[in-house]
Amino acid sequence: MAKEELIQFEGLVTEILPDARYRVQLDAGHEIVAYTAGKMKKNRIKTLAGDRVTIEMSPYDLEKGRLIFRHKDERPGGPPRGAPPRGQFRRR
């Protein structure tokens, strides 16, 4: 028997829940609970509220999903996340 195809959706992380789970608002308007995929844990990819993500879902349960990709910020001109604010220098 063939493995069932997974469905991919894009959405926005609205809330961080315990145990590496996230509440995600899909572009279609539905809200689901998603967990972090193993490759994202392995590569230590952090996801924060407000991030755009891609979700993989089984056609049998459309209330849960697996977070498989975090899209890069599309904010032009702003400093990258984690960069020190301008005007502050590190001492040697």
N, C-alpha and C. Protein backbone atom coordinates (compact mmCIF):
# COMPACT_ATOMS: atom_id res chain seq x y z
N MET A 1 0.84 -1.18 0.00
CA MET A 1 0.00 0.00 0.00
C MET A 1 0.89 1.25 0.00
N ALA A 2 0.56 2.22 -0.82
CA ALA A 2 1.36 3.44 -0.93
C ALA A 2 1.14 4.35 0.27
N LYS A 3 2.19 5.08 0.60
CA LYS A 3 2.09 6.05 1.69
C LYS A 3 1.23 7.23 1.25
N GLU A 4 0.42 7.73 2.15
CA GLU A 4 -0.49 8.83 1.84
C GLU A 4 0.32 10.13 1.67
N GLU A 5 -0.06 10.92 0.67
CA GLU A 5 0.61 12.19 0.42
C GLU A 5 0.27 13.19 1.53
N LEU A 6 1.25 13.99 1.91
CA LEU A 6 1.05 15.03 2.92
C LEU A 6 0.68 16.33 2.23
N ILE A 7 -0.09 17.16 2.92
CA ILE A 7 -0.54 18.43 2.39
C ILE A 7 0.31 19.53 3.01
N GLN A 8 0.75 20.48 2.20
CA GLN A 8 1.55 21.59 2.72
C GLN A 8 0.75 22.88 2.70
N PHE A 9 0.87 23.66 3.79
CA PHE A 9 0.23 24.96 3.91
C PHE A 9 1.25 25.95 4.43
N GLU A 10 0.97 27.23 4.21
CA GLU A 10 1.79 28.28 4.80
C GLU A 10 0.94 29.02 5.81
N GLY A 11 1.63 29.56 6.83
CA GLY A 11 0.91 30.27 7.86
C GLY A 11 1.82 31.14 8.69
N LEU A 12 1.26 31.67 9.77
CA LEU A 12 1.95 32.59 10.66
C LEU A 12 1.88 32.05 12.08
N VAL A 13 3.02 31.98 12.76
CA VAL A 13 3.05 31.51 14.15
C VAL A 13 2.44 32.59 15.03
N THR A 14 1.40 32.25 15.77
CA THR A 14 0.74 33.23 16.63
C THR A 14 1.11 33.06 18.09
N GLU A 15 1.47 31.83 18.49
CA GLU A 15 1.75 31.58 19.91
C GLU A 15 2.71 30.41 20.04
N ILE A 16 3.62 30.51 21.01
CA ILE A 16 4.55 29.42 21.30
C ILE A 16 3.99 28.66 22.50
N LEU A 17 3.83 27.35 22.35
CA LEU A 17 3.28 26.50 23.39
C LEU A 17 4.40 25.64 23.98
N PRO A 18 4.17 24.99 25.12
CA PRO A 18 5.21 24.11 25.70
C PRO A 18 5.50 22.91 24.79
N ASP A 19 6.64 22.26 25.04
CA ASP A 19 7.07 21.04 24.34
C ASP A 19 7.27 21.26 22.84
N ALA A 20 7.89 22.37 22.47
CA ALA A 20 8.23 22.68 21.07
C ALA A 20 7.02 22.63 20.16
N ARG A 21 5.90 23.12 20.63
CA ARG A 21 4.68 23.20 19.82
C ARG A 21 4.33 24.67 19.60
N TYR A 22 3.59 24.90 18.53
CA TYR A 22 3.25 26.26 18.13
C TYR A 22 1.79 26.31 17.69
N ARG A 23 1.14 27.43 17.94
CA ARG A 23 -0.19 27.67 17.39
C ARG A 23 0.02 28.49 16.11
N VAL A 24 -0.50 27.97 15.00
CA VAL A 24 -0.25 28.57 13.69
C VAL A 24 -1.58 28.95 13.04
N GLN A 25 -1.63 30.19 12.56
CA GLN A 25 -2.79 30.68 11.80
C GLN A 25 -2.47 30.48 10.32
N LEU A 26 -3.19 29.57 9.66
CA LEU A 26 -2.94 29.29 8.24
C LEU A 26 -3.48 30.42 7.38
N ASP A 27 -2.94 30.52 6.16
CA ASP A 27 -3.40 31.55 5.23
C ASP A 27 -4.87 31.35 4.88
N ALA A 28 -5.35 30.10 4.96
CA ALA A 28 -6.75 29.81 4.66
C ALA A 28 -7.70 30.24 5.78
N GLY A 29 -7.13 30.64 6.94
CA GLY A 29 -7.96 31.11 8.05
C GLY A 29 -8.08 30.15 9.20
N HIS A 30 -7.69 28.91 9.05
CA HIS A 30 -7.79 27.93 10.12
C HIS A 30 -6.62 28.08 11.09
N GLU A 31 -6.85 27.66 12.32
CA GLU A 31 -5.81 27.70 13.34
C GLU A 31 -5.51 26.27 13.77
N ILE A 32 -4.22 25.89 13.77
CA ILE A 32 -3.83 24.53 14.11
C ILE A 32 -2.70 24.56 15.12
N VAL A 33 -2.39 23.38 15.68
CA VAL A 33 -1.23 23.20 16.55
C VAL A 33 -0.21 22.41 15.77
N ALA A 34 1.04 22.91 15.75
CA ALA A 34 2.10 22.25 14.99
C ALA A 34 3.30 22.01 15.90
N TYR A 35 4.03 20.94 15.60
CA TYR A 35 5.26 20.66 16.33
C TYR A 35 6.44 20.81 15.40
N THR A 36 7.63 20.97 15.97
CA THR A 36 8.84 21.18 15.18
C THR A 36 9.32 19.87 14.59
N ALA A 37 9.67 19.87 13.31
CA ALA A 37 10.21 18.69 12.64
C ALA A 37 11.60 18.38 13.18
N GLY A 38 12.00 17.12 13.05
CA GLY A 38 13.29 16.67 13.57
C GLY A 38 14.48 17.38 12.96
N LYS A 39 14.44 17.67 11.66
CA LYS A 39 15.57 18.36 11.02
C LYS A 39 15.72 19.77 11.56
N MET A 40 14.60 20.41 11.91
CA MET A 40 14.69 21.76 12.47
C MET A 40 15.29 21.71 13.87
N LYS A 41 14.95 20.68 14.65
CA LYS A 41 15.55 20.51 15.97
C LYS A 41 17.04 20.21 15.84
N LYS A 42 17.38 19.32 14.92
CA LYS A 42 18.77 18.92 14.73
C LYS A 42 19.65 20.11 14.34
N ASN A 43 19.15 20.96 13.45
CA ASN A 43 19.91 22.12 12.99
C ASN A 43 19.70 23.36 13.84
N ARG A 44 18.99 23.21 14.95
CA ARG A 44 18.74 24.29 15.93
C ARG A 44 18.14 25.53 15.29
N ILE A 45 17.11 25.33 14.49
CA ILE A 45 16.41 26.45 13.87
C ILE A 45 15.32 26.91 14.83
N LYS A 46 15.44 28.12 15.30
CA LYS A 46 14.50 28.68 16.27
C LYS A 46 13.34 29.35 15.56
N THR A 47 12.16 29.21 16.11
CA THR A 47 10.96 29.82 15.55
C THR A 47 10.32 30.68 16.63
N LEU A 48 9.98 31.91 16.28
CA LEU A 48 9.37 32.84 17.22
C LEU A 48 7.98 33.22 16.74
N ALA A 49 7.20 33.80 17.63
CA ALA A 49 5.87 34.28 17.25
C ALA A 49 6.03 35.37 16.19
N GLY A 50 5.22 35.29 15.15
CA GLY A 50 5.29 36.25 14.07
C GLY A 50 6.05 35.75 12.85
N ASP A 51 6.68 34.58 12.94
CA ASP A 51 7.43 34.02 11.81
C ASP A 51 6.49 33.37 10.81
N ARG A 52 6.83 33.49 9.52
CA ARG A 52 6.11 32.78 8.46
C ARG A 52 6.69 31.38 8.37
N VAL A 53 5.84 30.36 8.31
CA VAL A 53 6.29 28.97 8.30
C VAL A 53 5.52 28.16 7.26
N THR A 54 6.10 27.01 6.91
CA THR A 54 5.42 26.03 6.07
C THR A 54 5.08 24.83 6.94
N ILE A 55 3.85 24.36 6.85
CA ILE A 55 3.33 23.28 7.67
C ILE A 55 3.01 22.08 6.78
N GLU A 56 3.30 20.90 7.27
CA GLU A 56 2.97 19.66 6.58
C GLU A 56 1.88 18.96 7.40
N MET A 57 0.79 18.55 6.76
CA MET A 57 -0.32 17.95 7.49
C MET A 57 -0.78 16.67 6.81
N SER A 58 -1.28 15.74 7.60
CA SER A 58 -1.87 14.52 7.08
C SER A 58 -3.31 14.81 6.68
N PRO A 59 -3.79 14.20 5.62
CA PRO A 59 -5.19 14.43 5.25
C PRO A 59 -6.19 13.84 6.23
N TYR A 60 -5.72 12.99 7.15
CA TYR A 60 -6.62 12.35 8.12
C TYR A 60 -6.89 13.22 9.34
N ASP A 61 -5.92 14.07 9.72
CA ASP A 61 -6.10 14.93 10.89
C ASP A 61 -5.69 16.35 10.51
N LEU A 62 -6.66 17.20 10.27
CA LEU A 62 -6.39 18.56 9.83
C LEU A 62 -6.33 19.56 10.97
N GLU A 63 -6.15 19.07 12.19
CA GLU A 63 -6.02 19.95 13.36
C GLU A 63 -4.57 20.02 13.84
N LYS A 64 -3.72 19.09 13.39
CA LYS A 64 -2.32 19.05 13.81
C LYS A 64 -1.43 19.03 12.59
N GLY A 65 -0.20 19.52 12.77
CA GLY A 65 0.74 19.53 11.66
C GLY A 65 2.17 19.53 12.14
N ARG A 66 3.09 19.42 11.18
CA ARG A 66 4.53 19.43 11.47
C ARG A 66 5.12 20.66 10.80
N LEU A 67 5.84 21.46 11.57
CA LEU A 67 6.47 22.67 11.08
C LEU A 67 7.77 22.26 10.39
N ILE A 68 7.86 22.44 9.06
CA ILE A 68 9.02 21.93 8.33
C ILE A 68 9.94 23.01 7.80
N PHE A 69 9.50 24.28 7.76
CA PHE A 69 10.35 25.33 7.19
C PHE A 69 9.98 26.67 7.78
N ARG A 70 10.99 27.45 8.17
CA ARG A 70 10.77 28.83 8.63
C ARG A 70 11.29 29.76 7.56
N HIS A 71 10.42 30.62 7.04
CA HIS A 71 10.80 31.54 5.98
C HIS A 71 11.62 32.69 6.55
N LYS A 72 12.57 33.16 5.76
CA LYS A 72 13.41 34.28 6.20
C LYS A 72 12.58 35.55 6.24
N ASP A 73 13.03 36.50 7.08
CA ASP A 73 12.34 37.78 7.18
C ASP A 73 12.40 38.52 5.86
N GLU A 74 11.34 39.20 5.53
CA GLU A 74 11.29 39.97 4.30
C GLU A 74 11.32 41.46 4.59
N ARG A 75 11.82 41.83 5.78
CA ARG A 75 11.90 43.24 6.15
C ARG A 75 13.17 43.84 5.56
N PRO A 76 13.07 44.76 4.60
CA PRO A 76 14.26 45.36 4.03
C PRO A 76 14.83 46.44 4.94
N GLY A 77 16.16 46.51 5.00
CA GLY A 77 16.82 47.61 5.71
C GLY A 77 16.99 47.43 7.20
N GLY A 78 16.26 46.55 7.83
CA GLY A 78 16.39 46.37 9.27
C GLY A 78 17.57 45.49 9.62
N PRO A 79 18.08 45.63 10.83
CA PRO A 79 19.20 44.77 11.22
C PRO A 79 18.74 43.33 11.34
N PRO A 80 19.60 42.36 11.07
CA PRO A 80 19.20 40.97 11.22
C PRO A 80 18.92 40.63 12.67
N ARG A 81 18.11 39.60 12.88
CA ARG A 81 17.76 39.18 14.23
C ARG A 81 19.01 38.75 14.98
N GLY A 82 19.17 39.20 16.22
CA GLY A 82 20.31 38.81 17.03
C GLY A 82 21.51 39.73 16.88
N ALA A 83 21.45 40.71 15.99
CA ALA A 83 22.57 41.63 15.82
C ALA A 83 22.54 42.66 16.94
N PRO A 84 23.72 43.10 17.41
CA PRO A 84 23.72 44.12 18.47
C PRO A 84 23.20 45.44 17.92
N PRO A 85 22.54 46.24 18.75
CA PRO A 85 22.04 47.53 18.29
C PRO A 85 23.20 48.44 17.87
N ARG A 86 22.94 49.33 16.92
CA ARG A 86 23.99 50.24 16.46
C ARG A 86 24.41 51.17 17.58
N GLY A 87 25.69 51.53 17.58
CA GLY A 87 26.19 52.45 18.59
C GLY A 87 26.79 51.73 19.80
N GLN A 88 26.64 50.44 19.91
CA GLN A 88 27.22 49.72 21.03
C GLN A 88 28.35 48.86 20.49
N PHE A 89 29.46 48.87 21.21
CA PHE A 89 30.63 48.12 20.79
C PHE A 89 30.96 47.08 21.83
N ARG A 90 31.54 45.98 21.38
CA ARG A 90 32.00 44.93 22.29
C ARG A 90 33.39 45.24 22.76
N ARG A 91 33.63 45.07 24.04
CA ARG A 91 34.99 45.27 24.57
C ARG A 91 35.82 44.04 24.31
N ARG A 92 37.11 44.26 24.13
CA ARG A 92 38.02 43.12 23.92
C ARG A 92 38.62 42.67 25.20
